[in-house]
C-alpha atoms as a PDB file:
ATOM      1  CA  MET A   1     -15.516 -52.367 -21.835  1.00  0.00           C
ATOM      2  CA  LYS A   2     -17.964 -51.807 -18.989  1.00  0.00           C
ATOM      3  CA  LYS A   3     -15.546 -49.372 -17.288  1.00  0.00           C
ATOM      4  CA  ILE A   4     -15.101 -47.359 -20.485  1.00  0.00           C
ATOM      5  CA  PHE A   5     -18.877 -47.132 -20.946  1.00  0.00           C
ATOM      6  CA  SER A   6     -19.360 -46.016 -17.307  1.00  0.00           C
ATOM      7  CA  LEU A   7     -16.629 -43.401 -17.671  1.00  0.00           C
ATOM      8  CA  ALA A   8     -18.176 -42.108 -20.920  1.00  0.00           C
ATOM      9  CA  VAL A   9     -21.603 -41.801 -19.269  1.00  0.00           C
ATOM     10  CA  MET A  10     -20.147 -39.926 -16.273  1.00  0.00           C
ATOM     11  CA  VAL A  11     -18.215 -37.525 -18.528  1.00  0.00           C
ATOM     12  CA  THR A  12     -21.300 -36.913 -20.686  1.00  0.00           C
ATOM     13  CA  VAL A  13     -23.506 -36.237 -17.653  1.00  0.00           C
ATOM     14  CA  GLY A  14     -20.865 -33.954 -16.103  1.00  0.00           C
ATOM     15  CA  LEU A  15     -20.419 -31.931 -19.288  1.00  0.00           C
ATOM     16  CA  SER A  16     -24.185 -31.691 -19.767  1.00  0.00           C
ATOM     17  CA  MET A  17     -24.637 -30.368 -16.244  1.00  0.00           C
ATOM     18  CA  LEU A  18     -21.806 -27.879 -16.707  1.00  0.00           C
ATOM     19  CA  LEU A  19     -23.032 -26.584 -20.056  1.00  0.00           C
ATOM     20  CA  CYS A  20     -26.742 -26.579 -19.250  1.00  0.00           C
ATOM     21  CA  THR A  21     -26.489 -25.034 -15.776  1.00  0.00           C
ATOM     22  CA  PRO A  22     -27.804 -21.472 -15.682  1.00  0.00           C
ATOM     23  CA  ALA A  23     -25.235 -18.716 -15.295  1.00  0.00           C
ATOM     24  CA  LEU A  24     -24.026 -18.204 -11.754  1.00  0.00           C
ATOM     25  CA  ALA A  25     -24.726 -14.794 -10.307  1.00  0.00           C
ATOM     26  CA  LEU A  26     -22.332 -12.826  -8.134  1.00  0.00           C
ATOM     27  CA  ASP A  27     -24.239 -11.593  -5.131  1.00  0.00           C
ATOM     28  CA  GLY A  28     -23.205 -10.938  -1.558  1.00  0.00           C
ATOM     29  CA  ARG A  29     -19.986 -10.780   0.420  1.00  0.00           C
ATOM     30  CA  TYR A  30     -16.920 -12.878  -0.302  1.00  0.00           C
ATOM     31  CA  GLN A  31     -14.063 -13.381   2.166  1.00  0.00           C
ATOM     32  CA  VAL A  32     -10.953 -12.985   0.002  1.00  0.00           C
ATOM     33  CA  VAL A  33      -7.327 -14.040   0.477  1.00  0.00           C
ATOM     34  CA  MET A  34      -4.841 -12.127  -1.689  1.00  0.00           C
ATOM     35  CA  PHE A  35      -1.160 -12.421  -2.594  1.00  0.00           C
ATOM     36  CA  CYS A  36       0.599  -9.131  -3.437  1.00  0.00           C
ATOM     37  CA  THR A  37       3.329  -9.284  -6.086  1.00  0.00           C
ATOM     38  CA  SER A  38       4.696  -5.786  -5.395  1.00  0.00           C
ATOM     39  CA  ASP A  39       4.172  -2.720  -3.201  1.00  0.00           C
ATOM     40  CA  ALA A  40       1.011  -0.627  -3.677  1.00  0.00           C
ATOM     41  CA  GLY A  41       0.772   2.235  -1.198  1.00  0.00           C
ATOM     42  CA  ASP A  42      -0.533   1.217   2.199  1.00  0.00           C
ATOM     43  CA  TYR A  43      -2.796  -1.458   0.717  1.00  0.00           C
ATOM     44  CA  CYS A  44      -0.212  -4.197   0.325  1.00  0.00           C
ATOM     45  CA  ASP A  45       3.511  -4.907   0.273  1.00  0.00           C
ATOM     46  CA  GLN A  46       5.398  -7.274  -1.985  1.00  0.00           C
ATOM     47  CA  GLY A  47       4.991 -10.868  -0.819  1.00  0.00           C
ATOM     48  CA  ASP A  48       2.179 -10.055   1.625  1.00  0.00           C
ATOM     49  CA  ILE A  49      -0.830 -12.303   2.059  1.00  0.00           C
ATOM     50  CA  LYS A  50      -3.798 -10.072   2.827  1.00  0.00           C
ATOM     51  CA  ASN A  51      -7.406 -10.763   3.847  1.00  0.00           C
ATOM     52  CA  ASP A  52     -10.259  -8.540   2.695  1.00  0.00           C
ATOM     53  CA  GLU A  53     -13.935  -8.673   1.712  1.00  0.00           C
ATOM     54  CA  PHE A  54     -15.506  -8.018  -1.669  1.00  0.00           C
ATOM     55  CA  ASP A  55     -19.184  -7.082  -1.805  1.00  0.00           C
ATOM     56  CA  PHE A  56     -21.196  -7.585  -5.006  1.00  0.00           C
ATOM     57  CA  ASP A  57     -24.653  -6.027  -4.883  1.00  0.00           C
ATOM     58  CA  ASP A  58     -26.832  -5.460  -7.958  1.00  0.00           C
ATOM     59  CA  GLY A  59     -24.016  -4.140 -10.174  1.00  0.00           C
ATOM     60  CA  ASP A  60     -22.278  -2.231  -7.366  1.00  0.00           C
ATOM     61  CA  PHE A  61     -18.897  -3.405  -6.100  1.00  0.00           C
ATOM     62  CA  THR A  62     -17.049  -2.441  -2.898  1.00  0.00           C
ATOM     63  CA  ILE A  63     -13.883  -3.519  -1.129  1.00  0.00           C
ATOM     64  CA  ASP A  64     -14.265  -3.615   2.651  1.00  0.00           C
ATOM     65  CA  SER A  65     -10.845  -2.242   3.626  1.00  0.00           C
ATOM     66  CA  PHE A  66     -11.564   0.931   1.613  1.00  0.00           C
ATOM     67  CA  ASP A  67     -14.937   1.530   3.304  1.00  0.00           C
ATOM     68  CA  ASP A  68     -13.844   4.736   5.009  1.00  0.00           C
ATOM     69  CA  GLY A  69     -12.309   6.520   2.032  1.00  0.00           C
ATOM     70  CA  ILE A  70     -12.047  10.282   2.186  1.00  0.00           C
ATOM     71  CA  PHE A  71     -14.094  11.913   4.955  1.00  0.00           C
ATOM     72  CA  GLY A  72     -15.597   8.516   5.796  1.00  0.00           C
ATOM     73  CA  ILE A  73     -17.098   8.022   2.335  1.00  0.00           C
ATOM     74  CA  GLY A  74     -16.020   4.836   0.587  1.00  0.00           C
ATOM     75  CA  GLY A  75     -14.976   4.529  -3.016  1.00  0.00           C
ATOM     76  CA  SER A  76     -17.138   3.726  -5.988  1.00  0.00           C
ATOM     77  CA  GLY A  77     -17.117   0.596  -8.046  1.00  0.00           C
ATOM     78  CA  ASP A  78     -19.165  -1.580 -10.341  1.00  0.00           C
ATOM     79  CA  PHE A  79     -18.984  -5.044 -11.837  1.00  0.00           C
ATOM     80  CA  SER A  80     -20.279  -6.970 -14.817  1.00  0.00           C
ATOM     81  CA  GLU A  81     -20.619 -10.682 -15.476  1.00  0.00           C
ATOM     82  CA  ASN A  82     -20.207 -12.711 -18.628  1.00  0.00           C
ATOM     83  CA  GLY A  83     -20.960 -16.363 -17.966  1.00  0.00           C
ATOM     84  CA  LEU A  84     -18.443 -17.653 -15.434  1.00  0.00           C
ATOM     85  CA  SER A  85     -16.162 -14.613 -15.745  1.00  0.00           C
ATOM     86  CA  PHE A  86     -16.579 -11.163 -14.235  1.00  0.00           C
ATOM     87  CA  ASN A  87     -14.903  -7.754 -14.314  1.00  0.00           C
ATOM     88  CA  ALA A  88     -14.970  -5.166 -11.550  1.00  0.00           C
ATOM     89  CA  ASP A  89     -13.601  -1.646 -11.230  1.00  0.00           C
ATOM     90  CA  TYR A  90     -13.096   0.309  -8.034  1.00  0.00           C
ATOM     91  CA  GLU A  91     -11.656   3.742  -7.238  1.00  0.00           C
ATOM     92  CA  VAL A  92     -11.133   5.365  -3.848  1.00  0.00           C
ATOM     93  CA  ILE A  93      -9.345   8.397  -2.419  1.00  0.00           C
ATOM     94  CA  ASN A  94      -8.332   8.190   1.247  1.00  0.00           C
ATOM     95  CA  ASP A  95      -7.941  10.970   3.847  1.00  0.00           C
ATOM     96  CA  ASP A  96      -4.287  11.467   2.827  1.00  0.00           C
ATOM     97  CA  LEU A  97      -5.573  12.147  -0.731  1.00  0.00           C
ATOM     98  CA  ASP A  98      -3.901   8.967  -1.994  1.00  0.00           C
ATOM     99  CA  LYS A  99      -5.827   7.385  -4.861  1.00  0.00           C
ATOM    100  CA  TYR A 100      -6.251   3.682  -5.543  1.00  0.00           C
ATOM    101  CA  GLU A 101      -7.622   2.480  -8.892  1.00  0.00           C
ATOM    102  CA  ILE A 102      -8.404  -1.214  -9.094  1.00  0.00           C
ATOM    103  CA  ASP A 103      -9.294  -3.377 -12.092  1.00  0.00           C
ATOM    104  CA  ILE A 104     -10.383  -6.943 -11.329  1.00  0.00           C
ATOM    105  CA  LYS A 105     -10.744  -9.890 -13.684  1.00  0.00           C
ATOM    106  CA  GLY A 106     -12.054 -13.096 -12.185  1.00  0.00           C
ATOM    107  CA  PHE A 107     -14.093 -16.253 -12.392  1.00  0.00           C
ATOM    108  CA  ASN A 108     -17.185 -17.227 -10.409  1.00  0.00           C
ATOM    109  CA  LEU A 109     -17.063 -20.961  -9.708  1.00  0.00           C
ATOM    110  CA  VAL A 110     -19.931 -22.931  -8.144  1.00  0.00           C
ATOM    111  CA  ASP A 111     -21.546 -19.681  -6.910  1.00  0.00           C
ATOM    112  CA  THR A 112     -19.534 -19.691  -3.674  1.00  0.00           C
ATOM    113  CA  LEU A 113     -15.949 -19.497  -4.942  1.00  0.00           C
ATOM    114  CA  ILE A 114     -14.259 -16.692  -6.879  1.00  0.00           C
ATOM    115  CA  LEU A 115     -10.677 -16.355  -8.090  1.00  0.00           C
ATOM    116  CA  GLY A 116      -8.759 -13.940 -10.253  1.00  0.00           C
ATOM    117  CA  THR A 117      -6.358 -11.015 -10.429  1.00  0.00           C
ATOM    118  CA  MET A 118      -6.467  -7.386  -9.328  1.00  0.00           C
ATOM    119  CA  ASP A 119      -4.435  -4.733 -11.102  1.00  0.00           C
ATOM    120  CA  LEU A 120      -3.944  -1.947  -8.569  1.00  0.00           C
ATOM    121  CA  GLU A 121      -2.566   1.498  -9.380  1.00  0.00           C
ATOM    122  CA  TYR A 122      -1.533   3.731  -6.479  1.00  0.00           C
ATOM    123  CA  SER A 123      -1.146   7.519  -6.945  1.00  0.00           C
ATOM    124  CA  GLU A 124      -0.313  10.391  -4.609  1.00  0.00           C
ATOM    125  CA  TRP A 125      -1.615  13.968  -4.814  1.00  0.00           C
ATOM    126  CA  ASP A 126       1.008  16.329  -6.255  1.00  0.00           C
ATOM    127  CA  ILE A 127      -0.130  19.992  -6.024  1.00  0.00           C
ATOM    128  CA  ILE A 128      -2.093  20.010  -9.317  1.00  0.00           C
ATOM    129  CA  ASP A 129      -2.871  16.386 -10.111  1.00  0.00           C
ATOM    130  CA  TYR A 130      -2.133  12.794  -9.134  1.00  0.00           C
ATOM    131  CA  ASP A 131       1.305  11.291  -9.678  1.00  0.00           C
ATOM    132  CA  LYS A 132       1.357   7.507 -10.160  1.00  0.00           C
ATOM    133  CA  LYS A 133       3.691   5.894  -7.621  1.00  0.00           C
ATOM    134  CA  ASP A 134       3.130   2.119  -7.650  1.00  0.00           C
ATOM    135  CA  GLU A 135       1.440  -0.638  -9.622  1.00  0.00           C
ATOM    136  CA  ALA A 136       0.775  -4.141  -8.372  1.00  0.00           C
ATOM    137  CA  THR A 137      -0.842  -7.311  -9.587  1.00  0.00           C
ATOM    138  CA  ILE A 138      -2.632  -9.144  -6.805  1.00  0.00           C
ATOM    139  CA  TYR A 139      -3.863 -12.742  -7.066  1.00  0.00           C
ATOM    140  CA  PHE A 140      -6.933 -13.661  -5.041  1.00  0.00           C
ATOM    141  CA  PHE A 141      -9.449 -16.353  -4.227  1.00  0.00           C
ATOM    142  CA  GLY A 142     -12.521 -15.995  -2.069  1.00  0.00           C
ATOM    143  CA  THR A 143     -15.526 -17.792  -0.628  1.00  0.00           C
ATOM    144  CA  LYS A 144     -18.980 -16.688   0.390  1.00  0.00           C
END
């Protein structure tokens, strides 16, 4: 009986801390490890494990490996948070005029750990407009 009571108290305290803790805020740079499920331009190949950095700064979102972008100007992105979950969007055009559009859905755990999925769409310039070439879902986790 004593063990059951102790377990009930620990579960109650744990749930109270989880539910009453203020929302965690994404802020700063996260070292991210990703697993690519299919090819997506030069960014990743099917089965690759890739390292990158995500930067969350006051609503702005960037991906380190796309810092150069076209003519040395990186892409543009933003993010929003809703409790433990977050969404981020990012778009960049590189010097070869290839375009990457990224949609991220993730979770912010204990303020130093993030995990989620990236949906990446890769397109190439085709005389008048962009022609979609590849799509990939990428699973990631990262730490501050």
